[in-house]
Amino acid sequence: METLRLDDDHSIHIICDGHMANLAGPRPLGNSIESMDLGFALQARCLEYIARGKAMNSDYVVPVPKSIDADIADAYLAINR
């Protein structure tokens, strides 16, 4: 886990190296709409990556390219500032 300290003394705890994780608890409510937006955006960009021929045909699992992951994160942060 990594903790980021903000200028206003708030903290953000990053788990799973920043990868998305499902919500759990005594009353699990599933994923929030925000995390669903991120997941769908990642899926769409990965499909585009495959469709444009950037992925090898022999790949069975295609990891999210860091550039796409960063693009989605930047877009999300820009909308939610």
PDB file of N, CA and C in Angstrom:
ATOM      1  N   MET A   1       0.843  -1.171   0.000  1.00  0.00           N
ATOM      2  CA  MET A   1       0.000   0.000   0.000  1.00  0.00           C
ATOM      3  C   MET A   1       0.894   1.241   0.000  1.00  0.00           C
ATOM      4  N   GLU A   2       0.468   2.224  -0.744  1.00  0.00           N
ATOM      5  CA  GLU A   2       1.181   3.505  -0.792  1.00  0.00           C
ATOM      6  C   GLU A   2       0.215   4.592  -0.338  1.00  0.00           C
ATOM      7  N   THR A   3       0.697   5.522   0.444  1.00  0.00           N
ATOM      8  CA  THR A   3      -0.141   6.620   0.918  1.00  0.00           C
ATOM      9  C   THR A   3       0.386   7.931   0.353  1.00  0.00           C
ATOM     10  N   LEU A   4      -0.499   8.668  -0.282  1.00  0.00           N
ATOM     11  CA  LEU A   4      -0.164   9.992  -0.809  1.00  0.00           C
ATOM     12  C   LEU A   4      -0.733  11.036   0.145  1.00  0.00           C
ATOM     13  N   ARG A   5       0.078  11.984   0.527  1.00  0.00           N
ATOM     14  CA  ARG A   5      -0.365  13.069   1.411  1.00  0.00           C
ATOM     15  C   ARG A   5      -0.643  14.303   0.555  1.00  0.00           C
ATOM     16  N   LEU A   6      -1.847  14.822   0.683  1.00  0.00           N
ATOM     17  CA  LEU A   6      -2.240  16.004  -0.077  1.00  0.00           C
ATOM     18  C   LEU A   6      -1.892  17.268   0.705  1.00  0.00           C
ATOM     19  N   ASP A   7      -1.857  18.391  -0.003  1.00  0.00           N
ATOM     20  CA  ASP A   7      -1.505  19.661   0.632  1.00  0.00           C
ATOM     21  C   ASP A   7      -2.469  20.052   1.745  1.00  0.00           C
ATOM     22  N   ASP A   8      -3.727  19.590   1.646  1.00  0.00           N
ATOM     23  CA  ASP A   8      -4.730  19.954   2.655  1.00  0.00           C
ATOM     24  C   ASP A   8      -4.774  18.959   3.820  1.00  0.00           C
ATOM     25  N   ASP A   9      -3.723  18.164   3.977  1.00  0.00           N
ATOM     26  CA  ASP A   9      -3.576  17.166   5.039  1.00  0.00           C
ATOM     27  C   ASP A   9      -4.467  15.941   4.873  1.00  0.00           C
ATOM     28  N   HIS A  10      -5.178  15.822   3.771  1.00  0.00           N
ATOM     29  CA  HIS A  10      -5.906  14.591   3.481  1.00  0.00           C
ATOM     30  C   HIS A  10      -4.915  13.568   2.926  1.00  0.00           C
ATOM     31  N   SER A  11      -5.304  12.315   3.003  1.00  0.00           N
ATOM     32  CA  SER A  11      -4.454  11.239   2.487  1.00  0.00           C
ATOM     33  C   SER A  11      -5.250  10.367   1.535  1.00  0.00           C
ATOM     34  N   ILE A  12      -4.554   9.809   0.551  1.00  0.00           N
ATOM     35  CA  ILE A  12      -5.133   8.829  -0.364  1.00  0.00           C
ATOM     36  C   ILE A  12      -4.294   7.568  -0.232  1.00  0.00           C
ATOM     37  N   HIS A  13      -4.968   6.450   0.032  1.00  0.00           N
ATOM     38  CA  HIS A  13      -4.287   5.166   0.158  1.00  0.00           C
ATOM     39  C   HIS A  13      -4.454   4.405  -1.148  1.00  0.00           C
ATOM     40  N   ILE A  14      -3.344   3.995  -1.748  1.00  0.00           N
ATOM     41  CA  ILE A  14      -3.369   3.265  -3.012  1.00  0.00           C
ATOM     42  C   ILE A  14      -3.020   1.810  -2.717  1.00  0.00           C
ATOM     43  N   ILE A  15      -3.950   0.916  -3.091  1.00  0.00           N
ATOM     44  CA  ILE A  15      -3.718  -0.508  -2.889  1.00  0.00           C
ATOM     45  C   ILE A  15      -3.630  -1.191  -4.248  1.00  0.00           C
ATOM     46  N   CYS A  16      -3.143  -2.379  -4.278  1.00  0.00           N
ATOM     47  CA  CYS A  16      -3.061  -3.196  -5.508  1.00  0.00           C
ATOM     48  C   CYS A  16      -2.267  -2.488  -6.599  1.00  0.00           C
ATOM     49  N   ASP A  17      -1.267  -1.719  -6.237  1.00  0.00           N
ATOM     50  CA  ASP A  17      -0.473  -0.952  -7.206  1.00  0.00           C
ATOM     51  C   ASP A  17      -1.334  -0.042  -8.068  1.00  0.00           C
ATOM     52  N   GLY A  18      -2.483   0.376  -7.549  1.00  0.00           N
ATOM     53  CA  GLY A  18      -3.366   1.275  -8.280  1.00  0.00           C
ATOM     54  C   GLY A  18      -4.328   0.583  -9.218  1.00  0.00           C
ATOM     55  N   HIS A  19      -4.284  -0.747  -9.284  1.00  0.00           N
ATOM     56  CA  HIS A  19      -5.218  -1.474 -10.129  1.00  0.00           C
ATOM     57  C   HIS A  19      -6.601  -1.473  -9.487  1.00  0.00           C
ATOM     58  N   MET A  20      -7.621  -1.585 -10.329  1.00  0.00           N
ATOM     59  CA  MET A  20      -8.979  -1.610  -9.807  1.00  0.00           C
ATOM     60  C   MET A  20      -9.194  -2.867  -8.966  1.00  0.00           C
ATOM     61  N   ALA A  21      -9.994  -2.740  -7.925  1.00  0.00           N
ATOM     62  CA  ALA A  21     -10.339  -3.875  -7.069  1.00  0.00           C
ATOM     63  C   ALA A  21     -11.827  -3.811  -6.779  1.00  0.00           C
ATOM     64  N   ASN A  22     -12.456  -4.956  -6.663  1.00  0.00           N
ATOM     65  CA  ASN A  22     -13.882  -5.006  -6.357  1.00  0.00           C
ATOM     66  C   ASN A  22     -14.095  -4.558  -4.918  1.00  0.00           C
ATOM     67  N   LEU A  23     -15.261  -4.019  -4.647  1.00  0.00           N
ATOM     68  CA  LEU A  23     -15.592  -3.579  -3.301  1.00  0.00           C
ATOM     69  C   LEU A  23     -16.077  -4.766  -2.484  1.00  0.00           C
ATOM     70  N   ALA A  24     -15.704  -4.802  -1.236  1.00  0.00           N
ATOM     71  CA  ALA A  24     -16.147  -5.877  -0.360  1.00  0.00           C
ATOM     72  C   ALA A  24     -16.430  -5.289   1.015  1.00  0.00           C
ATOM     73  N   GLY A  25     -17.206  -5.990   1.784  1.00  0.00           N
ATOM     74  CA  GLY A  25     -17.513  -5.542   3.129  1.00  0.00           C
ATOM     75  C   GLY A  25     -18.691  -6.310   3.664  1.00  0.00           C
ATOM     76  N   PRO A  26     -19.189  -5.900   4.815  1.00  0.00           N
ATOM     77  CA  PRO A  26     -20.315  -6.628   5.402  1.00  0.00           C
ATOM     78  C   PRO A  26     -21.567  -6.567   4.525  1.00  0.00           C
ATOM     79  N   ARG A  27     -21.724  -5.485   3.782  1.00  0.00           N
ATOM     80  CA  ARG A  27     -22.848  -5.340   2.844  1.00  0.00           C
ATOM     81  C   ARG A  27     -22.286  -4.933   1.491  1.00  0.00           C
ATOM     82  N   PRO A  28     -21.632  -5.851   0.782  1.00  0.00           N
ATOM     83  CA  PRO A  28     -21.026  -5.459  -0.503  1.00  0.00           C
ATOM     84  C   PRO A  28     -22.071  -4.909  -1.461  1.00  0.00           C
ATOM     85  N   LEU A  29     -21.766  -3.786  -2.024  1.00  0.00           N
ATOM     86  CA  LEU A  29     -22.693  -3.110  -2.932  1.00  0.00           C
ATOM     87  C   LEU A  29     -22.236  -3.202  -4.381  1.00  0.00           C
ATOM     88  N   GLY A  30     -21.200  -3.988  -4.637  1.00  0.00           N
ATOM     89  CA  GLY A  30     -20.699  -4.063  -6.001  1.00  0.00           C
ATOM     90  C   GLY A  30     -19.806  -2.890  -6.314  1.00  0.00           C
ATOM     91  N   ASN A  31     -19.572  -2.678  -7.575  1.00  0.00           N
ATOM     92  CA  ASN A  31     -18.692  -1.593  -7.999  1.00  0.00           C
ATOM     93  C   ASN A  31     -19.459  -0.291  -8.115  1.00  0.00           C
ATOM     94  N   SER A  32     -18.795   0.790  -7.769  1.00  0.00           N
ATOM     95  CA  SER A  32     -19.393   2.112  -7.918  1.00  0.00           C
ATOM     96  C   SER A  32     -19.482   2.458  -9.407  1.00  0.00           C
ATOM     97  N   ILE A  33     -20.322   3.398  -9.737  1.00  0.00           N
ATOM     98  CA  ILE A  33     -20.468   3.818 -11.136  1.00  0.00           C
ATOM     99  C   ILE A  33     -19.149   4.379 -11.657  1.00  0.00           C
ATOM    100  N   GLU A  34     -18.376   5.034 -10.780  1.00  0.00           N
ATOM    101  CA  GLU A  34     -17.085   5.577 -11.201  1.00  0.00           C
ATOM    102  C   GLU A  34     -16.109   4.465 -11.587  1.00  0.00           C
ATOM    103  N   SER A  35     -16.065   3.397 -10.788  1.00  0.00           N
ATOM    104  CA  SER A  35     -15.152   2.311 -11.140  1.00  0.00           C
ATOM    105  C   SER A  35     -15.633   1.573 -12.379  1.00  0.00           C
ATOM    106  N   MET A  36     -16.945   1.499 -12.584  1.00  0.00           N
ATOM    107  CA  MET A  36     -17.472   0.885 -13.801  1.00  0.00           C
ATOM    108  C   MET A  36     -17.067   1.713 -15.024  1.00  0.00           C
ATOM    109  N   ASP A  37     -17.155   3.049 -14.906  1.00  0.00           N
ATOM    110  CA  ASP A  37     -16.728   3.926 -16.007  1.00  0.00           C
ATOM    111  C   ASP A  37     -15.276   3.657 -16.378  1.00  0.00           C
ATOM    112  N   LEU A  38     -14.423   3.550 -15.372  1.00  0.00           N
ATOM    113  CA  LEU A  38     -13.005   3.288 -15.627  1.00  0.00           C
ATOM    114  C   LEU A  38     -12.813   1.937 -16.301  1.00  0.00           C
ATOM    115  N   GLY A  39     -13.513   0.928 -15.813  1.00  0.00           N
ATOM    116  CA  GLY A  39     -13.390  -0.411 -16.390  1.00  0.00           C
ATOM    117  C   GLY A  39     -13.837  -0.460 -17.831  1.00  0.00           C
ATOM    118  N   PHE A  40     -14.971   0.170 -18.128  1.00  0.00           N
ATOM    119  CA  PHE A  40     -15.473   0.177 -19.509  1.00  0.00           C
ATOM    120  C   PHE A  40     -14.546   0.966 -20.428  1.00  0.00           C
ATOM    121  N   ALA A  41     -14.011   2.077 -19.929  1.00  0.00           N
ATOM    122  CA  ALA A  41     -13.082   2.866 -20.738  1.00  0.00           C
ATOM    123  C   ALA A  41     -11.820   2.052 -21.049  1.00  0.00           C
ATOM    124  N   LEU A  42     -11.305   1.333 -20.051  1.00  0.00           N
ATOM    125  CA  LEU A  42     -10.132   0.486 -20.279  1.00  0.00           C
ATOM    126  C   LEU A  42     -10.436  -0.609 -21.289  1.00  0.00           C
ATOM    127  N   GLN A  43     -11.599  -1.245 -21.161  1.00  0.00           N
ATOM    128  CA  GLN A  43     -11.965  -2.304 -22.102  1.00  0.00           C
ATOM    129  C   GLN A  43     -12.071  -1.768 -23.521  1.00  0.00           C
ATOM    130  N   ALA A  44     -12.700  -0.614 -23.676  1.00  0.00           N
ATOM    131  CA  ALA A  44     -12.867  -0.033 -25.014  1.00  0.00           C
ATOM    132  C   ALA A  44     -11.514   0.294 -25.645  1.00  0.00           C
ATOM    133  N   ARG A  45     -10.619   0.904 -24.871  1.00  0.00           N
ATOM    134  CA  ARG A  45      -9.309   1.253 -25.419  1.00  0.00           C
ATOM    135  C   ARG A  45      -8.498   0.003 -25.753  1.00  0.00           C
ATOM    136  N   CYS A  46      -8.633  -1.049 -24.937  1.00  0.00           N
ATOM    137  CA  CYS A  46      -7.920  -2.301 -25.224  1.00  0.00           C
ATOM    138  C   CYS A  46      -8.461  -2.956 -26.491  1.00  0.00           C
ATOM    139  N   LEU A  47      -9.766  -2.913 -26.678  1.00  0.00           N
ATOM    140  CA  LEU A  47     -10.348  -3.454 -27.913  1.00  0.00           C
ATOM    141  C   LEU A  47      -9.863  -2.665 -29.124  1.00  0.00           C
ATOM    142  N   GLU A  48      -9.760  -1.357 -28.982  1.00  0.00           N
ATOM    143  CA  GLU A  48      -9.230  -0.529 -30.062  1.00  0.00           C
ATOM    144  C   GLU A  48      -7.782  -0.934 -30.359  1.00  0.00           C
ATOM    145  N   TYR A  49      -7.001  -1.161 -29.340  1.00  0.00           N
ATOM    146  CA  TYR A  49      -5.598  -1.588 -29.462  1.00  0.00           C
ATOM    147  C   TYR A  49      -5.514  -2.876 -30.277  1.00  0.00           C
ATOM    148  N   ILE A  50      -6.375  -3.823 -29.950  1.00  0.00           N
ATOM    149  CA  ILE A  50      -6.410  -5.096 -30.676  1.00  0.00           C
ATOM    150  C   ILE A  50      -6.875  -4.883 -32.108  1.00  0.00           C
ATOM    151  N   ALA A  51      -7.948  -4.105 -32.287  1.00  0.00           N
ATOM    152  CA  ALA A  51      -8.524  -3.880 -33.613  1.00  0.00           C
ATOM    153  C   ALA A  51      -7.546  -3.176 -34.556  1.00  0.00           C
ATOM    154  N   ARG A  52      -6.686  -2.334 -34.022  1.00  0.00           N
ATOM    155  CA  ARG A  52      -5.706  -1.621 -34.853  1.00  0.00           C
ATOM    156  C   ARG A  52      -4.462  -2.456 -35.140  1.00  0.00           C
ATOM    157  N   GLY A  53      -4.486  -3.715 -34.688  1.00  0.00           N
ATOM    158  CA  GLY A  53      -3.385  -4.618 -34.986  1.00  0.00           C
ATOM    159  C   GLY A  53      -2.146  -4.422 -34.149  1.00  0.00           C
ATOM    160  N   LYS A  54      -2.277  -3.739 -33.025  1.00  0.00           N
ATOM    161  CA  LYS A  54      -1.105  -3.502 -32.177  1.00  0.00           C
ATOM    162  C   LYS A  54      -0.805  -4.701 -31.284  1.00  0.00           C
ATOM    163  N   ALA A  55      -1.784  -5.570 -31.072  1.00  0.00           N
ATOM    164  CA  ALA A  55      -1.570  -6.762 -30.251  1.00  0.00           C
ATOM    165  C   ALA A  55      -1.179  -7.924 -31.161  1.00  0.00           C
ATOM    166  N   MET A  56      -0.372  -8.813 -30.647  1.00  0.00           N
ATOM    167  CA  MET A  56       0.034  -9.991 -31.404  1.00  0.00           C
ATOM    168  C   MET A  56      -1.122 -10.987 -31.451  1.00  0.00           C
ATOM    169  N   ASN A  57      -1.315 -11.622 -32.602  1.00  0.00           N
ATOM    170  CA  ASN A  57      -2.381 -12.615 -32.725  1.00  0.00           C
ATOM    171  C   ASN A  57      -2.194 -13.781 -31.770  1.00  0.00           C
ATOM    172  N   SER A  58      -0.971 -14.048 -31.393  1.00  0.00           N
ATOM    173  CA  SER A  58      -0.708 -15.170 -30.502  1.00  0.00           C
ATOM    174  C   SER A  58      -0.986 -14.838 -29.036  1.00  0.00           C
ATOM    175  N   ASP A  59      -1.303 -13.590 -28.732  1.00  0.00           N
ATOM    176  CA  ASP A  59      -1.586 -13.201 -27.343  1.00  0.00           C
ATOM    177  C   ASP A  59      -2.952 -13.731 -26.917  1.00  0.00           C
ATOM    178  N   TYR A  60      -2.958 -14.427 -25.810  1.00  0.00           N
ATOM    179  CA  TYR A  60      -4.225 -14.881 -25.254  1.00  0.00           C
ATOM    180  C   TYR A  60      -4.725 -13.910 -24.206  1.00  0.00           C
ATOM    181  N   VAL A  61      -3.798 -13.313 -23.504  1.00  0.00           N
ATOM    182  CA  VAL A  61      -4.125 -12.289 -22.530  1.00  0.00           C
ATOM    183  C   VAL A  61      -3.372 -11.044 -22.958  1.00  0.00           C
ATOM    184  N   VAL A  62      -4.089  -9.954 -23.126  1.00  0.00           N
ATOM    185  CA  VAL A  62      -3.462  -8.707 -23.545  1.00  0.00           C
ATOM    186  C   VAL A  62      -3.479  -7.753 -22.356  1.00  0.00           C
ATOM    187  N   PRO A  63      -2.324  -7.474 -21.774  1.00  0.00           N
ATOM    188  CA  PRO A  63      -2.300  -6.534 -20.650  1.00  0.00           C
ATOM    189  C   PRO A  63      -2.647  -5.133 -21.127  1.00  0.00           C
ATOM    190  N   VAL A  64      -3.183  -4.353 -20.222  1.00  0.00           N
ATOM    191  CA  VAL A  64      -3.494  -2.962 -20.550  1.00  0.00           C
ATOM    192  C   VAL A  64      -2.180  -2.222 -20.728  1.00  0.00           C
ATOM    193  N   PRO A  65      -1.935  -1.658 -21.916  1.00  0.00           N
ATOM    194  CA  PRO A  65      -0.710  -0.873 -22.103  1.00  0.00           C
ATOM    195  C   PRO A  65      -0.671   0.315 -21.145  1.00  0.00           C
ATOM    196  N   LYS A  66       0.491   0.585 -20.603  1.00  0.00           N
ATOM    197  CA  LYS A  66       0.626   1.670 -19.627  1.00  0.00           C
ATOM    198  C   LYS A  66       0.138   3.004 -20.184  1.00  0.00           C
ATOM    199  N   SER A  67       0.312   3.233 -21.485  1.00  0.00           N
ATOM    200  CA  SER A  67      -0.126   4.508 -22.072  1.00  0.00           C
ATOM    201  C   SER A  67      -1.648   4.638 -22.035  1.00  0.00           C
ATOM    202  N   ILE A  68      -2.352   3.547 -22.294  1.00  0.00           N
ATOM    203  CA  ILE A  68      -3.820   3.579 -22.234  1.00  0.00           C
ATOM    204  C   ILE A  68      -4.272   3.750 -20.786  1.00  0.00           C
ATOM    205  N   ASP A  69      -3.653   3.020 -19.864  1.00  0.00           N
ATOM    206  CA  ASP A  69      -3.996   3.131 -18.458  1.00  0.00           C
ATOM    207  C   ASP A  69      -3.822   4.574 -17.981  1.00  0.00           C
ATOM    208  N   ALA A  70      -2.720   5.194 -18.381  1.00  0.00           N
ATOM    209  CA  ALA A  70      -2.449   6.580 -17.993  1.00  0.00           C
ATOM    210  C   ALA A  70      -3.443   7.541 -18.642  1.00  0.00           C
ATOM    211  N   ASP A  71      -3.784   7.319 -19.916  1.00  0.00           N
ATOM    212  CA  ASP A  71      -4.766   8.174 -20.602  1.00  0.00           C
ATOM    213  C   ASP A  71      -6.108   8.153 -19.891  1.00  0.00           C
ATOM    214  N   ILE A  72      -6.565   6.956 -19.526  1.00  0.00           N
ATOM    215  CA  ILE A  72      -7.862   6.823 -18.853  1.00  0.00           C
ATOM    216  C   ILE A  72      -7.814   7.490 -17.484  1.00  0.00           C
ATOM    217  N   ALA A  73      -6.737   7.268 -16.747  1.00  0.00           N
ATOM    218  CA  ALA A  73      -6.605   7.888 -15.423  1.00  0.00           C
ATOM    219  C   ALA A  73      -6.583   9.409 -15.538  1.00  0.00           C
ATOM    220  N   ASP A  74      -5.847   9.943 -16.503  1.00  0.00           N
ATOM    221  CA  ASP A  74      -5.790  11.403 -16.695  1.00  0.00           C
ATOM    222  C   ASP A  74      -7.163  11.968 -17.056  1.00  0.00           C
ATOM    223  N   ALA A  75      -7.875  11.285 -17.948  1.00  0.00           N
ATOM    224  CA  ALA A  75      -9.213  11.749 -18.346  1.00  0.00           C
ATOM    225  C   ALA A  75     -10.158  11.725 -17.167  1.00  0.00           C
ATOM    226  N   TYR A  76     -10.091  10.676 -16.360  1.00  0.00           N
ATOM    227  CA  TYR A  76     -10.955  10.572 -15.198  1.00  0.00           C
ATOM    228  C   TYR A  76     -10.672  11.696 -14.205  1.00  0.00           C
ATOM    229  N   LEU A  77      -9.400  11.944 -13.944  1.00  0.00           N
ATOM    230  CA  LEU A  77      -9.033  13.001 -12.998  1.00  0.00           C
ATOM    231  C   LEU A  77      -9.450  14.380 -13.517  1.00  0.00           C
ATOM    232  N   ALA A  78      -9.326  14.590 -14.821  1.00  0.00           N
ATOM    233  CA  ALA A  78      -9.697  15.892 -15.401  1.00  0.00           C
ATOM    234  C   ALA A  78     -11.189  16.159 -15.233  1.00  0.00           C
ATOM    235  N   ILE A  79     -11.998  15.116 -15.357  1.00  0.00           N
ATOM    236  CA  ILE A  79     -13.454  15.267 -15.230  1.00  0.00           C
ATOM    237  C   ILE A  79     -13.854  15.482 -13.785  1.00  0.00           C
ATOM    238  N   ASN A  80     -13.142  14.871 -12.860  1.00  0.00           N
ATOM    239  CA  ASN A  80     -13.543  14.861 -11.455  1.00  0.00           C
ATOM    240  C   ASN A  80     -12.750  15.814 -10.562  1.00  0.00           C
ATOM    241  N   ARG A  81     -12.230  16.855 -11.144  1.00  0.00           N
ATOM    242  CA  ARG A  81     -11.500  17.847 -10.324  1.00  0.00           C
ATOM    243  C   ARG A  81     -12.441  18.903  -9.843  1.00  0.00           C
TER     244      ARG A  81
END
